[in-house]
Amino acid sequence: MPQKHYKNNSNSSHVSSGHSFGYQNIVYDDEHWALLKRLREKTVFLMSALADFHLNTVVHGSIARGDVKTGSDIDIFIPEVQNSFTVETALERAGIPVNNRFIVQATPMYAMKAHIEIDELTTITFPLMNMRNVEREFYTFGGEITLSQLEANLQVAGVDKRLMLIEPNTVGHEESSVIGREAFVAKTLGISIDTVLDRVHALTKRSTVGRTGVFLKKELNNEETFELALKRLSDLNPSIRRRQQQQNKKGFS
């Protein structure tokens, strides 16, 4: 089911509450719209630099949904496996400095990903191996939009870290709890129920035991490419080799 898209044009601020599933209607004020505009302008610049090298990207999270706040991250994602040289060359040609580079794996079953940290709040990520469907839909779960949608000033629905479904409208957004409505949320976002249940489990665990970290995070040195670093990790770590082998099996999804 395709997501709804909304343009923003509000200049007032208030919150109205309902009693069902924690429903609230949030109306953004001028300061909120100004912050969203600044963050999106930076995002468009970064995504355009990658588009110049034919790299298709999405931005996910609050930038896509519109419910930003001071300190909101800019998380840009390239959905397909890429040659890291192309990505890094695109950034270099645009004069975009890179602060750090990491290989990250959330769990042993998840794909290894390249994380290029532009600054402490801005990251460009792409997979180094094929992702399962639930991994790819993680980004849709939180809300994702393309460069063209961003340039058209659109917002999309998605779920935040509180497990609240954020549904943008012309003055701000409506929010309501995901818990107990997982099937409805899956249908609304156009993703599988398995993905919603997976994220509910992960975020519920985080809220009760705190941040659980990632399975693997390796910082690259200046001479390493992502591909070389991945090979070195694979040579040393049997679980990484198994994950690489699994993607070649029939039925991998």
Protein backbone atom coordinates (compact mmCIF):
# COMPACT_ATOMS: atom_id res chain seq x y z
CA MET A 1 0.00 0.00 0.00
CA PRO A 2 1.61 3.30 -1.00
CA GLN A 3 2.33 5.80 1.72
CA LYS A 4 0.60 9.15 1.90
CA HIS A 5 2.65 12.25 1.18
CA TYR A 6 2.07 15.69 2.58
CA LYS A 7 3.33 19.21 1.98
CA ASN A 8 4.04 21.43 4.97
CA ASN A 9 2.69 24.94 5.38
CA SER A 10 1.82 25.58 9.04
CA ASN A 11 2.65 28.55 11.25
CA SER A 12 0.97 27.70 14.54
CA SER A 13 1.61 25.36 17.47
CA HIS A 14 -0.58 23.23 19.73
CA VAL A 15 -1.19 19.66 20.85
CA SER A 16 -4.58 17.99 21.11
CA SER A 17 -4.96 14.58 22.70
CA GLY A 18 -7.23 11.59 22.19
CA HIS A 19 -7.81 8.54 24.36
CA SER A 20 -7.32 5.75 21.81
CA PHE A 21 -3.81 4.29 21.37
CA GLY A 22 -2.19 7.43 22.80
CA TYR A 23 -3.45 9.52 19.90
CA GLN A 24 -2.25 13.12 19.69
CA ASN A 25 -2.47 15.80 17.03
CA ILE A 26 0.71 17.90 16.91
CA VAL A 27 0.71 21.27 15.17
CA TYR A 28 4.14 22.69 14.33
CA ASP A 29 5.12 26.30 15.00
CA ASP A 30 7.35 28.56 12.88
CA GLU A 31 10.48 27.50 14.73
CA HIS A 32 9.81 23.84 13.97
CA TRP A 33 9.24 24.49 10.25
CA ALA A 34 12.42 26.60 10.10
CA LEU A 35 14.48 23.81 11.69
CA LEU A 36 13.01 21.23 9.32
CA LYS A 37 13.86 23.48 6.37
CA ARG A 38 17.50 23.88 7.49
CA LEU A 39 17.98 20.17 8.04
CA ARG A 40 16.38 19.30 4.72
CA GLU A 41 18.51 21.83 2.83
CA LYS A 42 21.64 20.14 4.20
CA THR A 43 20.20 16.75 3.31
CA VAL A 44 19.40 17.81 -0.26
CA PHE A 45 22.99 19.02 -0.71
CA LEU A 46 24.41 15.68 0.42
CA MET A 47 21.95 13.55 -1.57
CA SER A 48 22.51 15.69 -4.69
CA ALA A 49 26.26 15.13 -4.45
CA LEU A 50 25.65 11.38 -4.48
CA ALA A 51 23.06 11.65 -7.25
CA ASP A 52 25.68 13.33 -9.44
CA PHE A 53 27.45 9.96 -9.42
CA HIS A 54 24.21 8.07 -10.18
CA LEU A 55 23.81 6.90 -6.58
CA ASN A 56 20.15 6.61 -5.62
CA THR A 57 19.54 7.48 -1.98
CA VAL A 58 16.82 7.88 0.62
CA VAL A 59 16.82 9.79 3.87
CA HIS A 60 15.00 8.09 6.71
CA GLY A 61 13.71 9.00 10.14
CA SER A 62 12.48 12.35 11.38
CA ILE A 63 13.83 14.23 8.33
CA ALA A 64 11.46 12.16 6.18
CA ARG A 65 8.52 12.29 8.60
CA GLY A 66 8.94 15.95 9.57
CA ASP A 67 8.92 15.56 13.37
CA VAL A 68 12.45 16.92 13.82
CA LYS A 69 13.96 18.46 16.91
CA THR A 70 17.27 20.08 17.81
CA GLY A 71 19.85 17.32 17.55
CA SER A 72 17.95 15.26 14.97
CA ASP A 73 20.19 12.99 12.91
CA ILE A 74 20.50 13.13 9.14
CA ASP A 75 20.61 9.48 8.10
CA ILE A 76 21.11 8.98 4.37
CA PHE A 77 20.92 5.44 3.01
CA ILE A 78 22.01 3.99 -0.34
CA PRO A 79 19.83 0.85 -0.64
CA GLU A 80 22.04 -1.14 -3.01
CA VAL A 81 25.51 -2.61 -2.57
CA GLN A 82 28.00 -0.10 -3.98
CA ASN A 83 31.68 0.23 -4.75
CA SER A 84 32.85 2.38 -1.87
CA PHE A 85 35.26 4.25 -4.16
CA THR A 86 32.30 5.70 -6.07
CA VAL A 87 30.60 6.89 -2.88
CA GLU A 88 33.72 8.43 -1.41
CA THR A 89 34.67 10.06 -4.70
CA ALA A 90 31.22 11.66 -4.93
CA LEU A 91 31.69 13.20 -1.49
CA GLU A 92 35.23 14.35 -2.26
CA ARG A 93 34.22 16.01 -5.54
CA ALA A 94 31.48 17.93 -3.70
CA GLY A 95 33.93 19.10 -1.06
CA ILE A 96 32.20 17.15 1.71
CA PRO A 97 34.69 16.17 4.43
CA VAL A 98 34.51 12.76 6.06
CA ASN A 99 34.97 12.57 9.81
CA ASN A 100 35.08 8.78 10.31
CA ARG A 101 34.40 5.53 8.49
CA PHE A 102 33.07 2.37 10.12
CA ILE A 103 31.89 -1.10 9.22
CA VAL A 104 28.84 -1.92 11.33
CA GLN A 105 26.80 -5.08 11.81
CA ALA A 106 23.71 -4.89 14.02
CA THR A 107 23.46 -8.65 14.70
CA PRO A 108 25.24 -11.74 13.30
CA MET A 109 22.27 -12.30 10.95
CA TYR A 110 22.25 -8.76 9.56
CA ALA A 111 24.22 -7.46 6.60
CA MET A 112 27.49 -5.64 7.14
CA LYS A 113 27.11 -1.95 6.32
CA ALA A 114 29.47 0.90 5.54
CA HIS A 115 28.91 3.99 7.68
CA ILE A 116 30.49 7.23 6.53
CA GLU A 117 30.25 9.81 9.29
CA ILE A 118 30.18 13.36 7.98
CA ASP A 119 29.72 14.83 11.45
CA GLU A 120 28.30 13.56 14.73
CA LEU A 121 24.72 13.99 13.48
CA THR A 122 25.14 13.11 9.79
CA THR A 123 25.81 9.65 8.38
CA ILE A 124 25.74 8.03 4.94
CA THR A 125 25.20 4.26 5.00
CA PHE A 126 25.19 1.53 2.37
CA PRO A 127 25.19 -2.28 2.56
CA LEU A 128 28.33 -4.26 1.82
CA MET A 129 26.29 -7.40 1.17
CA ASN A 130 22.70 -8.15 0.19
CA MET A 131 20.10 -7.43 2.84
CA ARG A 132 17.14 -9.53 3.87
CA ASN A 133 13.69 -8.03 3.36
CA VAL A 134 13.26 -7.23 7.04
CA GLU A 135 16.54 -5.31 7.00
CA ARG A 136 15.57 -3.23 3.98
CA GLU A 137 12.14 -2.48 5.39
CA PHE A 138 13.73 -1.14 8.58
CA TYR A 139 14.18 2.14 6.72
CA THR A 140 10.59 2.25 5.48
CA PHE A 141 9.40 1.48 9.01
CA GLY A 142 10.97 4.71 10.24
CA GLY A 143 9.85 6.67 7.17
CA GLU A 144 11.97 7.23 4.07
CA ILE A 145 11.88 9.60 1.11
CA THR A 146 13.91 10.05 -2.05
CA LEU A 147 15.73 13.17 -3.21
CA SER A 148 12.92 14.12 -5.60
CA GLN A 149 10.34 13.78 -2.82
CA LEU A 150 12.52 15.88 -0.53
CA GLU A 151 12.84 18.58 -3.18
CA ALA A 152 9.03 18.51 -3.55
CA ASN A 153 8.75 19.28 0.19
CA LEU A 154 6.93 16.03 0.96
CA GLN A 155 6.69 14.14 4.24
CA VAL A 156 5.87 10.47 4.81
CA ALA A 157 4.52 8.32 7.61
CA GLY A 158 6.86 6.30 9.78
CA VAL A 159 7.45 5.07 13.31
CA ASP A 160 9.70 6.86 15.80
CA LYS A 161 11.81 5.38 18.61
CA ARG A 162 8.90 5.67 21.05
CA LEU A 163 6.99 3.23 18.82
CA MET A 164 4.58 5.99 17.83
CA LEU A 165 3.23 6.02 14.29
CA ILE A 166 3.83 9.52 12.91
CA GLU A 167 1.37 10.47 10.15
CA PRO A 168 2.13 13.90 8.67
CA ASN A 169 -0.61 16.30 7.70
CA THR A 170 -0.70 19.86 6.40
CA VAL A 171 -0.16 21.45 9.82
CA GLY A 172 2.13 18.96 11.58
CA HIS A 173 1.39 15.34 12.35
CA GLU A 174 -0.89 12.89 14.09
CA GLU A 175 0.73 10.27 16.30
CA SER A 176 -0.56 7.05 17.83
CA SER A 177 0.90 3.95 19.42
CA VAL A 178 2.04 1.01 17.32
CA ILE A 179 1.48 -1.47 20.16
CA GLY A 180 -1.65 -3.53 19.53
CA ARG A 181 -1.96 -2.22 15.96
CA GLU A 182 1.01 -3.88 14.32
CA ALA A 183 -0.98 -5.20 11.36
CA PHE A 184 -2.53 -1.78 10.73
CA VAL A 185 0.91 -0.12 10.86
CA ALA A 186 2.34 -2.68 8.43
CA LYS A 187 -0.48 -1.98 5.99
CA THR A 188 -0.15 1.79 6.41
CA LEU A 189 3.58 1.73 5.70
CA GLY A 190 3.40 -0.92 2.99
CA ILE A 191 5.77 -3.33 4.76
CA SER A 192 5.53 -6.84 6.17
CA ILE A 193 4.10 -7.56 9.60
CA ASP A 194 7.36 -9.41 10.36
CA THR A 195 9.29 -6.17 10.04
CA VAL A 196 6.93 -4.33 12.38
CA LEU A 197 7.11 -7.12 14.98
CA ASP A 198 10.91 -7.21 14.69
CA ARG A 199 11.18 -3.47 15.32
CA VAL A 200 8.65 -3.56 18.16
CA HIS A 201 10.70 -6.28 19.84
CA ALA A 202 13.98 -4.40 19.38
CA LEU A 203 12.67 -1.02 20.53
CA THR A 204 10.75 -2.48 23.46
CA LYS A 205 13.92 -4.23 24.60
CA ARG A 206 15.84 -0.97 24.27
CA SER A 207 13.30 0.86 26.43
CA THR A 208 13.54 -1.74 29.22
CA VAL A 209 17.27 -2.57 29.27
CA GLY A 210 18.73 0.49 27.55
CA ARG A 211 20.76 0.68 24.36
CA THR A 212 22.09 -2.75 23.50
CA GLY A 213 24.71 -1.58 21.03
CA VAL A 214 25.66 -3.37 17.83
CA PHE A 215 27.25 -6.74 17.24
CA LEU A 216 30.24 -5.29 15.42
CA LYS A 217 31.65 -1.82 14.79
CA LYS A 218 35.08 -1.43 13.24
CA GLU A 219 36.72 1.90 12.48
CA LEU A 220 38.69 1.94 9.22
CA ASN A 221 42.17 3.42 8.96
CA ASN A 222 43.01 5.95 6.26
CA GLU A 223 44.50 3.33 3.92
CA GLU A 224 41.67 0.81 4.10
CA THR A 225 38.77 0.56 1.69
CA PHE A 226 35.52 -0.85 2.97
CA GLU A 227 35.94 -3.87 0.73
CA LEU A 228 39.42 -4.62 2.07
CA ALA A 229 38.30 -4.17 5.67
CA LEU A 230 35.36 -6.52 5.07
CA LYS A 231 37.65 -9.17 3.60
CA ARG A 232 39.96 -8.96 6.60
CA LEU A 233 37.03 -9.29 8.98
CA SER A 234 35.63 -12.20 7.03
CA ASP A 235 38.98 -14.00 7.09
CA LEU A 236 39.08 -13.70 10.89
CA ASN A 237 35.42 -14.16 11.81
CA PRO A 238 33.49 -17.33 10.86
CA SER A 239 30.09 -15.70 11.59
CA ILE A 240 30.75 -13.02 8.99
CA ARG A 241 31.72 -15.67 6.43
CA ARG A 242 28.50 -17.55 7.19
CA ARG A 243 26.46 -14.38 6.68
CA GLN A 244 28.12 -13.84 3.29
CA GLN A 245 27.43 -17.43 2.29
CA GLN A 246 23.76 -17.25 3.34
CA GLN A 247 22.96 -14.53 0.84
CA ASN A 248 23.91 -16.88 -1.99
CA LYS A 249 21.47 -19.57 -0.88
CA LYS A 250 18.17 -20.04 -2.66
CA GLY A 251 15.33 -18.40 -0.77
CA PHE A 252 17.48 -15.83 1.01
CA SER A 253 15.14 -12.96 1.93
